[in-house]
Amino acid sequence: LFDVLGVVPVFPGGANGLGNERGEVLPDCYLIPSESTAEDFAYSLH
């Protein structure tokens, strides 16, 4: 996944630090394609 395919793990942060409105801290970690941009990451969220 990481070496051959080049997948990149990225954590979505929250507007008030790491948590969300439910009190969860960094609940998600996205595995997205190599060379993804910040905009690509936004699209992977929704």
All heavy atoms as atom14 arrays in JSON, in Angstrom:
{
  "sequence": "LFDVLGVVPVFPGGANGLGNERGEVLPDCYLIPSESTAEDFAYSLH",
  "atom14_mask": [
    [1, 1, 1, 1, 1, 1, 1, 1, 0, 0, 0, 0, 0, 0],
    [1, 1, 1, 1, 1, 1, 1, 1, 1, 1, 1, 0, 0, 0],
    [1, 1, 1, 1, 1, 1, 1, 1, 0, 0, 0, 0, 0, 0],
    [1, 1, 1, 1, 1, 1, 1, 0, 0, 0, 0, 0, 0, 0],
    [1, 1, 1, 1, 1, 1, 1, 1, 0, 0, 0, 0, 0, 0],
    [1, 1, 1, 1, 0, 0, 0, 0, 0, 0, 0, 0, 0, 0],
    [1, 1, 1, 1, 1, 1, 1, 0, 0, 0, 0, 0, 0, 0],
    [1, 1, 1, 1, 1, 1, 1, 0, 0, 0, 0, 0, 0, 0],
    [1, 1, 1, 1, 1, 1, 1, 0, 0, 0, 0, 0, 0, 0],
    [1, 1, 1, 1, 1, 1, 1, 0, 0, 0, 0, 0, 0, 0],
    [1, 1, 1, 1, 1, 1, 1, 1, 1, 1, 1, 0, 0, 0],
    [1, 1, 1, 1, 1, 1, 1, 0, 0, 0, 0, 0, 0, 0],
    [1, 1, 1, 1, 0, 0, 0, 0, 0, 0, 0, 0, 0, 0],
    [1, 1, 1, 1, 0, 0, 0, 0, 0, 0, 0, 0, 0, 0],
    [1, 1, 1, 1, 1, 0, 0, 0, 0, 0, 0, 0, 0, 0],
    [1, 1, 1, 1, 1, 1, 1, 1, 0, 0, 0, 0, 0, 0],
    [1, 1, 1, 1, 0, 0, 0, 0, 0, 0, 0, 0, 0, 0],
    [1, 1, 1, 1, 1, 1, 1, 1, 0, 0, 0, 0, 0, 0],
    [1, 1, 1, 1, 0, 0, 0, 0, 0, 0, 0, 0, 0, 0],
    [1, 1, 1, 1, 1, 1, 1, 1, 0, 0, 0, 0, 0, 0],
    [1, 1, 1, 1, 1, 1, 1, 1, 1, 0, 0, 0, 0, 0],
    [1, 1, 1, 1, 1, 1, 1, 1, 1, 1, 1, 0, 0, 0],
    [1, 1, 1, 1, 0, 0, 0, 0, 0, 0, 0, 0, 0, 0],
    [1, 1, 1, 1, 1, 1, 1, 1, 1, 0, 0, 0, 0, 0],
    [1, 1, 1, 1, 1, 1, 1, 0, 0, 0, 0, 0, 0, 0],
    [1, 1, 1, 1, 1, 1, 1, 1, 0, 0, 0, 0, 0, 0],
    [1, 1, 1, 1, 1, 1, 1, 0, 0, 0, 0, 0, 0, 0],
    [1, 1, 1, 1, 1, 1, 1, 1, 0, 0, 0, 0, 0, 0],
    [1, 1, 1, 1, 1, 1, 0, 0, 0, 0, 0, 0, 0, 0],
    [1, 1, 1, 1, 1, 1, 1, 1, 1, 1, 1, 1, 0, 0],
    [1, 1, 1, 1, 1, 1, 1, 1, 0, 0, 0, 0, 0, 0],
    [1, 1, 1, 1, 1, 1, 1, 1, 0, 0, 0, 0, 0, 0],
    [1, 1, 1, 1, 1, 1, 1, 0, 0, 0, 0, 0, 0, 0],
    [1, 1, 1, 1, 1, 1, 0, 0, 0, 0, 0, 0, 0, 0],
    [1, 1, 1, 1, 1, 1, 1, 1, 1, 0, 0, 0, 0, 0],
    [1, 1, 1, 1, 1, 1, 0, 0, 0, 0, 0, 0, 0, 0],
    [1, 1, 1, 1, 1, 1, 1, 0, 0, 0, 0, 0, 0, 0],
    [1, 1, 1, 1, 1, 0, 0, 0, 0, 0, 0, 0, 0, 0],
    [1, 1, 1, 1, 1, 1, 1, 1, 1, 0, 0, 0, 0, 0],
    [1, 1, 1, 1, 1, 1, 1, 1, 0, 0, 0, 0, 0, 0],
    [1, 1, 1, 1, 1, 1, 1, 1, 1, 1, 1, 0, 0, 0],
    [1, 1, 1, 1, 1, 0, 0, 0, 0, 0, 0, 0, 0, 0],
    [1, 1, 1, 1, 1, 1, 1, 1, 1, 1, 1, 1, 0, 0],
    [1, 1, 1, 1, 1, 1, 0, 0, 0, 0, 0, 0, 0, 0],
    [1, 1, 1, 1, 1, 1, 1, 1, 0, 0, 0, 0, 0, 0],
    [1, 1, 1, 1, 1, 1, 1, 1, 1, 1, 0, 0, 0, 0]
  ],
  "atom14_positions": [
    [[0.82, -1.21, 0.0], [0.0, 0.0, 0.0], [0.85, 1.27, 0.0], [0.65, 2.17, -0.81], [-0.93, -0.01, 1.22], [-2.3, 0.63, 1.03], [-3.05, 0.0, -0.13], [-3.12, 0.51, 2.31], [0.0, 0.0, 0.0], [0.0, 0.0, 0.0], [0.0, 0.0, 0.0], [0.0, 0.0, 0.0], [0.0, 0.0, 0.0], [0.0, 0.0, 0.0]],
    [[1.84, 1.34, 0.9], [2.6, 2.58, 1.08], [3.8, 2.69, 0.15], [4.04, 3.74, -0.44], [3.06, 2.72, 2.53], [1.93, 2.84, 3.52], [1.94, 2.13, 4.72], [0.84, 3.66, 3.27], [0.91, 2.24, 5.63], [-0.21, 3.78, 4.18], [-0.17, 3.06, 5.36], [0.0, 0.0, 0.0], [0.0, 0.0, 0.0], [0.0, 0.0, 0.0]],
    [[4.57, 1.61, 0.02], [5.81, 1.69, -0.77], [5.55, 1.51, -2.26], [6.08, 2.27, -3.08], [6.81, 0.62, -0.3], [7.21, 0.82, 1.15], [6.96, 1.91, 1.69], [7.77, -0.12, 1.76], [0.0, 0.0, 0.0], [0.0, 0.0, 0.0], [0.0, 0.0, 0.0], [0.0, 0.0, 0.0], [0.0, 0.0, 0.0], [0.0, 0.0, 0.0]],
    [[4.75, 0.52, -2.62], [4.55, 0.21, -4.04], [3.45, 1.08, -4.64], [3.63, 1.68, -5.7], [4.24, -1.29, -4.23], [3.86, -1.59, -5.67], [5.45, -2.14, -3.82], [0.0, 0.0, 0.0], [0.0, 0.0, 0.0], [0.0, 0.0, 0.0], [0.0, 0.0, 0.0], [0.0, 0.0, 0.0], [0.0, 0.0, 0.0], [0.0, 0.0, 0.0]],
    [[2.32, 1.2, -3.95], [1.2, 1.99, -4.49], [1.36, 3.47, -4.15], [0.81, 4.33, -4.84], [-0.12, 1.45, -3.94], [-1.37, 1.65, -4.79], [-1.18, 1.09, -6.2], [-2.58, 1.0, -4.13], [0.0, 0.0, 0.0], [0.0, 0.0, 0.0], [0.0, 0.0, 0.0], [0.0, 0.0, 0.0], [0.0, 0.0, 0.0], [0.0, 0.0, 0.0]],
    [[2.11, 3.77, -3.1], [2.37, 5.17, -2.75], [1.23, 5.87, -2.05], [1.12, 7.1, -2.08], [0.0, 0.0, 0.0], [0.0, 0.0, 0.0], [0.0, 0.0, 0.0], [0.0, 0.0, 0.0], [0.0, 0.0, 0.0], [0.0, 0.0, 0.0], [0.0, 0.0, 0.0], [0.0, 0.0, 0.0], [0.0, 0.0, 0.0], [0.0, 0.0, 0.0]],
    [[0.36, 5.1, -1.4], [-0.79, 5.68, -0.7], [-0.32, 6.55, 0.47], [0.67, 6.24, 1.13], [-1.72, 4.55, -0.2], [-2.76, 5.06, 0.77], [-2.4, 3.89, -1.39], [0.0, 0.0, 0.0], [0.0, 0.0, 0.0], [0.0, 0.0, 0.0], [0.0, 0.0, 0.0], [0.0, 0.0, 0.0], [0.0, 0.0, 0.0], [0.0, 0.0, 0.0]],
    [[-1.04, 7.67, 0.71], [-0.66, 8.64, 1.74], [-1.73, 8.69, 2.83], [-2.9, 8.95, 2.53], [-0.49, 10.05, 1.12], [-0.08, 11.06, 2.17], [0.52, 10.02, -0.03], [0.0, 0.0, 0.0], [0.0, 0.0, 0.0], [0.0, 0.0, 0.0], [0.0, 0.0, 0.0], [0.0, 0.0, 0.0], [0.0, 0.0, 0.0], [0.0, 0.0, 0.0]],
    [[-1.36, 8.46, 4.1], [-2.33, 8.61, 5.19], [-2.43, 10.07, 5.64], [-1.41, 10.72, 5.88], [-1.74, 7.74, 6.32], [-0.27, 7.71, 6.05], [-0.06, 7.94, 4.58], [0.0, 0.0, 0.0], [0.0, 0.0, 0.0], [0.0, 0.0, 0.0], [0.0, 0.0, 0.0], [0.0, 0.0, 0.0], [0.0, 0.0, 0.0], [0.0, 0.0, 0.0]],
    [[-3.67, 10.58, 5.71], [-3.9, 11.98, 6.11], [-5.04, 12.01, 7.14], [-6.06, 11.35, 6.97], [-4.27, 12.86, 4.89], [-4.47, 14.31, 5.32], [-3.2, 12.77, 3.81], [0.0, 0.0, 0.0], [0.0, 0.0, 0.0], [0.0, 0.0, 0.0], [0.0, 0.0, 0.0], [0.0, 0.0, 0.0], [0.0, 0.0, 0.0], [0.0, 0.0, 0.0]],
    [[-4.84, 12.82, 8.2], [-5.85, 12.98, 9.25], [-6.62, 14.29, 9.01], [-6.0, 15.35, 8.91], [-5.19, 13.07, 10.63], [-4.43, 11.84, 11.04], [-3.07, 11.73, 10.78], [-5.07, 10.81, 11.72], [-2.35, 10.61, 11.17], [-4.36, 9.67, 12.12], [-2.99, 9.57, 11.85], [0.0, 0.0, 0.0], [0.0, 0.0, 0.0], [0.0, 0.0, 0.0]],
    [[-7.96, 14.24, 8.96], [-8.72, 15.49, 8.91], [-8.77, 16.14, 10.29], [-9.2, 15.5, 11.26], [-10.13, 15.03, 8.48], [-10.0, 13.58, 8.12], [-8.82, 13.06, 8.85], [0.0, 0.0, 0.0], [0.0, 0.0, 0.0], [0.0, 0.0, 0.0], [0.0, 0.0, 0.0], [0.0, 0.0, 0.0], [0.0, 0.0, 0.0], [0.0, 0.0, 0.0]],
    [[-8.33, 17.39, 10.39], [-8.42, 18.13, 11.64], [-9.76, 18.84, 11.73], [-10.48, 18.95, 10.74], [0.0, 0.0, 0.0], [0.0, 0.0, 0.0], [0.0, 0.0, 0.0], [0.0, 0.0, 0.0], [0.0, 0.0, 0.0], [0.0, 0.0, 0.0], [0.0, 0.0, 0.0], [0.0, 0.0, 0.0], [0.0, 0.0, 0.0], [0.0, 0.0, 0.0]],
    [[-10.08, 19.32, 12.91], [-11.36, 19.99, 13.1], [-11.2, 21.49, 13.21], [-10.09, 22.01, 13.37], [0.0, 0.0, 0.0], [0.0, 0.0, 0.0], [0.0, 0.0, 0.0], [0.0, 0.0, 0.0], [0.0, 0.0, 0.0], [0.0, 0.0, 0.0], [0.0, 0.0, 0.0], [0.0, 0.0, 0.0], [0.0, 0.0, 0.0], [0.0, 0.0, 0.0]],
    [[-12.32, 22.2, 13.15], [-12.29, 23.67, 13.22], [-11.81, 24.15, 14.58], [-11.27, 25.24, 14.71], [-13.68, 24.21, 12.93], [0.0, 0.0, 0.0], [0.0, 0.0, 0.0], [0.0, 0.0, 0.0], [0.0, 0.0, 0.0], [0.0, 0.0, 0.0], [0.0, 0.0, 0.0], [0.0, 0.0, 0.0], [0.0, 0.0, 0.0], [0.0, 0.0, 0.0]],
    [[-12.03, 23.34, 15.63], [-11.61, 23.72, 16.98], [-10.49, 22.8, 17.46], [-10.58, 22.17, 18.5], [-12.8, 23.65, 17.95], [-13.95, 24.52, 17.47], [-13.74, 25.69, 17.2], [-15.13, 23.95, 17.34], [0.0, 0.0, 0.0], [0.0, 0.0, 0.0], [0.0, 0.0, 0.0], [0.0, 0.0, 0.0], [0.0, 0.0, 0.0], [0.0, 0.0, 0.0]],
    [[-9.45, 22.67, 16.65], [-8.38, 21.75, 17.0], [-8.61, 20.4, 16.37], [-9.1, 20.3, 15.25], [0.0, 0.0, 0.0], [0.0, 0.0, 0.0], [0.0, 0.0, 0.0], [0.0, 0.0, 0.0], [0.0, 0.0, 0.0], [0.0, 0.0, 0.0], [0.0, 0.0, 0.0], [0.0, 0.0, 0.0], [0.0, 0.0, 0.0], [0.0, 0.0, 0.0]],
    [[-8.29, 19.31, 17.1], [-8.38, 17.96, 16.52], [-9.75, 17.34, 16.67], [-10.09, 16.4, 15.97], [-7.34, 17.05, 17.18], [-5.88, 17.5, 17.14], [-4.98, 16.38, 17.63], [-5.47, 17.91, 15.73], [0.0, 0.0, 0.0], [0.0, 0.0, 0.0], [0.0, 0.0, 0.0], [0.0, 0.0, 0.0], [0.0, 0.0, 0.0], [0.0, 0.0, 0.0]],
    [[-10.54, 17.84, 17.63], [-11.81, 17.18, 17.92], [-12.93, 17.66, 17.02], [-12.81, 18.63, 16.28], [0.0, 0.0, 0.0], [0.0, 0.0, 0.0], [0.0, 0.0, 0.0], [0.0, 0.0, 0.0], [0.0, 0.0, 0.0], [0.0, 0.0, 0.0], [0.0, 0.0, 0.0], [0.0, 0.0, 0.0], [0.0, 0.0, 0.0], [0.0, 0.0, 0.0]],
    [[-14.07, 16.96, 17.12], [-15.27, 17.39, 16.41], [-16.36, 17.7, 17.44], [-16.13, 17.63, 18.65], [-15.73, 16.34, 15.38], [-16.05, 14.99, 16.04], [-16.28, 14.91, 17.24], [-16.05, 13.93, 15.24], [0.0, 0.0, 0.0], [0.0, 0.0, 0.0], [0.0, 0.0, 0.0], [0.0, 0.0, 0.0], [0.0, 0.0, 0.0], [0.0, 0.0, 0.0]],
    [[-17.55, 18.01, 16.93], [-18.63, 18.42, 17.84], [-19.06, 17.29, 18.77], [-19.68, 17.52, 19.81], [-19.83, 18.97, 17.04], [-20.53, 17.97, 16.13], [-19.82, 17.81, 14.78], [-18.75, 18.42, 14.59], [-20.35, 17.07, 13.94], [0.0, 0.0, 0.0], [0.0, 0.0, 0.0], [0.0, 0.0, 0.0], [0.0, 0.0, 0.0], [0.0, 0.0, 0.0]],
    [[-18.74, 16.05, 18.42], [-19.1, 14.91, 19.28], [-18.01, 14.6, 20.31], [-18.12, 13.62, 21.04], [-19.37, 13.67, 18.4], [-20.6, 13.82, 17.51], [-20.91, 12.52, 16.78], [-19.85, 12.13, 15.86], [-19.71, 12.62, 14.63], [-20.57, 13.55, 14.19], [-18.73, 12.21, 13.85], [0.0, 0.0, 0.0], [0.0, 0.0, 0.0], [0.0, 0.0, 0.0]],
    [[-16.94, 15.42, 20.31], [-15.87, 15.19, 21.28], [-14.87, 14.13, 20.85], [-14.0, 13.75, 21.64], [0.0, 0.0, 0.0], [0.0, 0.0, 0.0], [0.0, 0.0, 0.0], [0.0, 0.0, 0.0], [0.0, 0.0, 0.0], [0.0, 0.0, 0.0], [0.0, 0.0, 0.0], [0.0, 0.0, 0.0], [0.0, 0.0, 0.0], [0.0, 0.0, 0.0]],
    [[-14.99, 13.64, 19.6], [-14.04, 12.64, 19.11], [-12.75, 13.35, 18.67], [-12.8, 14.43, 18.1], [-14.63, 11.87, 17.93], [-15.9, 11.11, 18.28], [-16.65, 10.63, 17.04], [-16.62, 11.35, 16.01], [-17.26, 9.56, 17.1], [0.0, 0.0, 0.0], [0.0, 0.0, 0.0], [0.0, 0.0, 0.0], [0.0, 0.0, 0.0], [0.0, 0.0, 0.0]],
    [[-11.62, 12.72, 18.94], [-10.32, 13.29, 18.57], [-9.74, 12.5, 17.39], [-9.59, 11.28, 17.47], [-9.35, 13.24, 19.77], [-7.97, 13.74, 19.35], [-9.89, 14.06, 20.93], [0.0, 0.0, 0.0], [0.0, 0.0, 0.0], [0.0, 0.0, 0.0], [0.0, 0.0, 0.0], [0.0, 0.0, 0.0], [0.0, 0.0, 0.0], [0.0, 0.0, 0.0]],
    [[-9.46, 13.21, 16.29], [-8.93, 12.57, 15.07], [-9.64, 11.24, 14.8], [-9.02, 10.19, 14.73], [-7.42, 12.34, 15.18], [-6.51, 13.56, 15.13], [-5.05, 13.13, 15.09], [-6.81, 14.44, 13.92], [0.0, 0.0, 0.0], [0.0, 0.0, 0.0], [0.0, 0.0, 0.0], [0.0, 0.0, 0.0], [0.0, 0.0, 0.0], [0.0, 0.0, 0.0]],
    [[-10.97, 11.27, 14.63], [-11.68, 10.0, 14.44], [-11.33, 9.29, 13.14], [-11.48, 8.08, 13.05], [-13.16, 10.42, 14.45], [-13.15, 11.87, 14.07], [-11.87, 12.43, 14.61], [0.0, 0.0, 0.0], [0.0, 0.0, 0.0], [0.0, 0.0, 0.0], [0.0, 0.0, 0.0], [0.0, 0.0, 0.0], [0.0, 0.0, 0.0], [0.0, 0.0, 0.0]],
    [[-10.87, 10.06, 12.15], [-10.63, 9.46, 10.83], [-9.18, 9.56, 10.4], [-8.46, 10.5, 10.79], [-11.5, 10.14, 9.77], [-12.98, 9.96, 10.04], [-13.36, 8.84, 10.41], [-13.74, 10.94, 9.9], [0.0, 0.0, 0.0], [0.0, 0.0, 0.0], [0.0, 0.0, 0.0], [0.0, 0.0, 0.0], [0.0, 0.0, 0.0], [0.0, 0.0, 0.0]],
    [[-8.77, 8.59, 9.61], [-7.49, 8.65, 8.91], [-7.77, 8.16, 7.5], [-8.21, 7.03, 7.3], [-6.45, 7.76, 9.59], [-4.84, 7.76, 8.75], [0.0, 0.0, 0.0], [0.0, 0.0, 0.0], [0.0, 0.0, 0.0], [0.0, 0.0, 0.0], [0.0, 0.0, 0.0], [0.0, 0.0, 0.0], [0.0, 0.0, 0.0], [0.0, 0.0, 0.0]],
    [[-7.56, 9.04, 6.53], [-7.84, 8.71, 5.14], [-6.58, 8.2, 4.45], [-5.5, 8.78, 4.64], [-8.38, 9.93, 4.39], [-9.83, 10.22, 4.66], [-10.24, 10.69, 5.9], [-10.8, 10.02, 3.68], [-11.58, 10.96, 6.16], [-12.14, 10.29, 3.93], [-12.53, 10.75, 5.17], [-13.86, 11.0, 5.42], [0.0, 0.0, 0.0], [0.0, 0.0, 0.0]],
    [[-6.73, 7.17, 3.65], [-5.64, 6.66, 2.82], [-5.92, 7.11, 1.4], [-6.85, 6.61, 0.76], [-5.57, 5.13, 2.91], [-5.4, 4.56, 4.33], [-5.46, 3.03, 4.29], [-4.1, 5.02, 4.96], [0.0, 0.0, 0.0], [0.0, 0.0, 0.0], [0.0, 0.0, 0.0], [0.0, 0.0, 0.0], [0.0, 0.0, 0.0], [0.0, 0.0, 0.0]],
    [[-5.15, 8.08, 0.91], [-5.47, 8.67, -0.39], [-4.31, 8.47, -1.37], [-3.17, 8.22, -0.95], [-5.85, 10.17, -0.24], [-4.68, 10.99, 0.29], [-7.06, 10.32, 0.66], [-5.0, 12.49, 0.38], [0.0, 0.0, 0.0], [0.0, 0.0, 0.0], [0.0, 0.0, 0.0], [0.0, 0.0, 0.0], [0.0, 0.0, 0.0], [0.0, 0.0, 0.0]],
    [[-4.59, 8.57, -2.67], [-3.55, 8.28, -3.67], [-2.34, 9.2, -3.56], [-2.46, 10.33, -3.07], [-4.28, 8.49, -5.01], [-5.72, 8.3, -4.69], [-5.9, 8.82, -3.29], [0.0, 0.0, 0.0], [0.0, 0.0, 0.0], [0.0, 0.0, 0.0], [0.0, 0.0, 0.0], [0.0, 0.0, 0.0], [0.0, 0.0, 0.0], [0.0, 0.0, 0.0]],
    [[-1.21, 8.71, -4.02], [0.01, 9.52, -4.01], [-0.19, 10.76, -4.88], [-1.0, 10.77, -5.8], [1.19, 8.71, -4.55], [0.96, 8.33, -5.89], [0.0, 0.0, 0.0], [0.0, 0.0, 0.0], [0.0, 0.0, 0.0], [0.0, 0.0, 0.0], [0.0, 0.0, 0.0], [0.0, 0.0, 0.0], [0.0, 0.0, 0.0], [0.0, 0.0, 0.0]],
    [[0.54, 11.82, -4.55], [0.5, 13.09, -5.27], [-0.87, 13.78, -5.18], [-1.19, 14.65, -5.99], [0.91, 12.9, -6.74], [2.33, 12.33, -6.87], [2.76, 12.12, -8.32], [1.96, 12.41, -9.23], [3.89, 11.67, -8.51], [0.0, 0.0, 0.0], [0.0, 0.0, 0.0], [0.0, 0.0, 0.0], [0.0, 0.0, 0.0], [0.0, 0.0, 0.0]],
    [[-1.67, 13.42, -4.18], [-2.95, 14.11, -3.98], [-2.7, 15.52, -3.45], [-1.77, 15.75, -2.68], [-3.83, 13.34, -2.99], [-4.25, 12.11, -3.52], [0.0, 0.0, 0.0], [0.0, 0.0, 0.0], [0.0, 0.0, 0.0], [0.0, 0.0, 0.0], [0.0, 0.0, 0.0], [0.0, 0.0, 0.0], [0.0, 0.0, 0.0], [0.0, 0.0, 0.0]],
    [[-3.57, 16.43, -3.86], [-3.47, 17.82, -3.39], [-4.46, 18.04, -2.24], [-5.31, 17.19, -1.95], [-3.81, 18.8, -4.52], [-5.18, 18.57, -4.91], [-2.89, 18.6, -5.72], [0.0, 0.0, 0.0], [0.0, 0.0, 0.0], [0.0, 0.0, 0.0], [0.0, 0.0, 0.0], [0.0, 0.0, 0.0], [0.0, 0.0, 0.0], [0.0, 0.0, 0.0]],
    [[-4.38, 19.22, -1.63], [-5.33, 19.58, -0.57], [-6.76, 19.55, -1.11], [-7.7, 19.13, -0.42], [-4.99, 20.96, -0.02], [0.0, 0.0, 0.0], [0.0, 0.0, 0.0], [0.0, 0.0, 0.0], [0.0, 0.0, 0.0], [0.0, 0.0, 0.0], [0.0, 0.0, 0.0], [0.0, 0.0, 0.0], [0.0, 0.0, 0.0], [0.0, 0.0, 0.0]],
    [[-6.93, 19.99, -2.36], [-8.27, 19.96, -2.96], [-8.74, 18.52, -3.18], [-9.9, 18.18, -2.93], [-8.28, 20.73, -4.29], [-9.66, 20.86, -4.89], [-9.65, 21.66, -6.19], [-8.73, 21.48, -7.01], [-10.58, 22.48, -6.37], [0.0, 0.0, 0.0], [0.0, 0.0, 0.0], [0.0, 0.0, 0.0], [0.0, 0.0, 0.0], [0.0, 0.0, 0.0]],
    [[-7.82, 17.64, -3.65], [-8.17, 16.21, -3.8], [-8.62, 15.64, -2.46], [-9.58, 14.86, -2.38], [-6.97, 15.41, -4.31], [-6.53, 15.8, -5.71], [-7.4, 16.24, -6.49], [-5.33, 15.66, -6.01], [0.0, 0.0, 0.0], [0.0, 0.0, 0.0], [0.0, 0.0, 0.0], [0.0, 0.0, 0.0], [0.0, 0.0, 0.0], [0.0, 0.0, 0.0]],
    [[-7.88, 16.01, -1.4], [-8.22, 15.53, -0.06], [-9.62, 16.0, 0.33], [-10.42, 15.23, 0.88], [-7.18, 16.02, 0.95], [-7.5, 15.68, 2.37], [-7.7, 14.36, 2.77], [-7.61, 16.68, 3.33], [-8.0, 14.04, 4.09], [-7.91, 16.37, 4.66], [-8.1, 15.04, 5.02], [0.0, 0.0, 0.0], [0.0, 0.0, 0.0], [0.0, 0.0, 0.0]],
    [[-9.95, 17.25, 0.01], [-11.29, 17.78, 0.3], [-12.35, 16.94, -0.39], [-13.39, 16.62, 0.2], [-11.38, 19.25, -0.12], [0.0, 0.0, 0.0], [0.0, 0.0, 0.0], [0.0, 0.0, 0.0], [0.0, 0.0, 0.0], [0.0, 0.0, 0.0], [0.0, 0.0, 0.0], [0.0, 0.0, 0.0], [0.0, 0.0, 0.0], [0.0, 0.0, 0.0]],
    [[-12.1, 16.57, -1.65], [-13.06, 15.75, -2.39], [-13.17, 14.35, -1.8], [-14.24, 13.72, -1.85], [-12.7, 15.68, -3.87], [-13.25, 16.83, -4.69], [-12.42, 17.84, -5.18], [-14.62, 16.91, -4.95], [-12.93, 18.89, -5.91], [-15.15, 17.96, -5.69], [-14.3, 18.95, -6.17], [-14.83, 20.0, -6.89], [0.0, 0.0, 0.0], [0.0, 0.0, 0.0]],
    [[-12.07, 13.84, -1.24], [-12.14, 12.51, -0.62], [-13.0, 12.54, 0.64], [-13.59, 11.53, 1.02], [-10.74, 11.98, -0.32], [-10.15, 12.67, 0.75], [0.0, 0.0, 0.0], [0.0, 0.0, 0.0], [0.0, 0.0, 0.0], [0.0, 0.0, 0.0], [0.0, 0.0, 0.0], [0.0, 0.0, 0.0], [0.0, 0.0, 0.0], [0.0, 0.0, 0.0]],
    [[-13.09, 13.72, 1.29], [-13.97, 13.86, 2.45], [-15.43, 13.85, 2.02], [-16.26, 13.15, 2.6], [-13.66, 15.16, 3.19], [-12.24, 15.31, 3.78], [-12.04, 16.71, 4.34], [-11.99, 14.27, 4.86], [0.0, 0.0, 0.0], [0.0, 0.0, 0.0], [0.0, 0.0, 0.0], [0.0, 0.0, 0.0], [0.0, 0.0, 0.0], [0.0, 0.0, 0.0]],
    [[-15.74, 14.65, 0.99], [-17.11, 14.7, 0.45], [-17.08, 15.59, -0.79], [-16.37, 16.6, -0.82], [-18.08, 15.28, 1.49], [-19.52, 15.01, 1.15], [-20.22, 15.73, 0.2], [-20.39, 14.1, 1.63], [-21.45, 15.29, 0.11], [-21.6, 14.28, 0.96], [0.0, 0.0, 0.0], [0.0, 0.0, 0.0], [0.0, 0.0, 0.0], [0.0, 0.0, 0.0]]
  ]
}
